[in-house]
Amino acid sequence: MPLPYPYIPALMLVSAPHRTTIKLEGDFWQAIDQLAEKTGIAWSEWVATELTGKPVGIGAASWLLVRCLIQSTQGA
């Protein structure tokens, strides 16, 4: 069961090579939630999927912001 949004300020990733916390502004969490809903998945699954394509050397939060903006502007 996905964690309730918007009550979480950060996402704890335990599937990453190491534990990490991602903090984003509430507006981005809302956009991520909407993008996930459009594809019929939980926001946490959307985040995990997007992070699988993250290049080495780019921060997770930065990557998610970029992916969110790209998909939002492309009407994903």
Protein backbone atom coordinates (compact mmCIF):
# COMPACT_ATOMS: atom_id res chain seq x y z
CA MET A 1 0.00 0.00 0.00
CA PRO A 2 1.50 3.38 -0.97
CA LEU A 3 2.25 5.91 1.69
CA PRO A 4 -0.34 8.67 2.07
CA TYR A 5 0.46 11.78 0.10
CA PRO A 6 0.94 14.76 0.83
CA TYR A 7 1.81 13.99 4.43
CA ILE A 8 5.33 12.86 3.64
CA PRO A 9 8.02 15.48 3.08
CA ALA A 10 10.51 12.96 1.73
CA LEU A 11 10.73 9.51 0.25
CA MET A 12 12.96 6.92 1.87
CA LEU A 13 14.35 4.63 -0.79
CA VAL A 14 15.39 1.26 0.50
CA SER A 15 15.76 -0.36 -2.92
CA ALA A 16 18.63 2.00 -3.76
CA PRO A 17 22.21 0.74 -3.30
CA HIS A 18 22.19 2.71 -0.08
CA ARG A 19 19.47 4.34 1.96
CA THR A 20 18.64 7.78 0.71
CA THR A 21 16.02 10.42 1.34
CA ILE A 22 14.59 12.58 -1.39
CA LYS A 23 13.05 15.89 -0.43
CA LEU A 24 10.98 17.80 -2.96
CA GLU A 25 8.57 20.69 -2.73
CA GLY A 26 4.92 19.77 -2.28
CA ASP A 27 4.04 20.92 -5.81
CA PHE A 28 6.43 18.37 -7.28
CA TRP A 29 5.03 15.56 -5.12
CA GLN A 30 1.55 16.49 -6.36
CA ALA A 31 2.73 16.44 -9.98
CA ILE A 32 4.44 13.08 -9.45
CA ASP A 33 1.26 11.73 -7.90
CA GLN A 34 -0.76 12.90 -10.91
CA LEU A 35 1.74 11.41 -13.38
CA ALA A 36 1.62 8.10 -11.54
CA GLU A 37 -2.18 8.09 -11.49
CA LYS A 38 -2.27 8.60 -15.26
CA THR A 39 -0.31 5.39 -15.71
CA GLY A 40 -2.23 3.50 -13.05
CA ILE A 41 0.61 3.07 -10.56
CA ALA A 42 1.43 4.42 -7.12
CA TRP A 43 3.68 7.47 -6.87
CA SER A 44 6.31 5.33 -5.16
CA GLU A 45 6.39 2.99 -8.17
CA TRP A 46 6.68 5.97 -10.52
CA VAL A 47 9.65 7.28 -8.54
CA ALA A 48 11.35 3.87 -8.43
CA THR A 49 10.86 3.43 -12.18
CA GLU A 50 12.23 6.88 -13.00
CA LEU A 51 15.26 6.39 -10.78
CA THR A 52 16.26 3.24 -12.65
CA GLY A 53 17.22 5.48 -15.58
CA LYS A 54 19.14 8.03 -13.52
CA PRO A 55 22.66 8.60 -14.83
CA VAL A 56 25.56 8.23 -12.42
CA GLY A 57 26.61 11.56 -10.97
CA ILE A 58 23.17 13.17 -11.03
CA GLY A 59 21.32 13.53 -7.75
CA ALA A 60 18.06 11.62 -7.31
CA ALA A 61 16.04 14.72 -6.44
CA SER A 62 17.39 16.61 -9.45
CA TRP A 63 16.63 13.67 -11.74
CA LEU A 64 13.06 13.37 -10.44
CA LEU A 65 12.46 17.10 -10.91
CA VAL A 66 13.65 16.93 -14.51
CA ARG A 67 11.64 13.76 -15.27
CA CYS A 68 8.55 15.30 -13.68
CA LEU A 69 8.88 18.48 -15.73
CA ILE A 70 9.52 16.60 -18.97
CA GLN A 71 6.59 14.24 -18.54
CA SER A 72 4.28 17.04 -17.39
CA THR A 73 5.06 19.15 -20.44
CA GLN A 74 4.76 16.19 -22.81
CA GLY A 75 1.32 15.32 -21.49
CA ALA A 76 2.43 11.94 -20.14
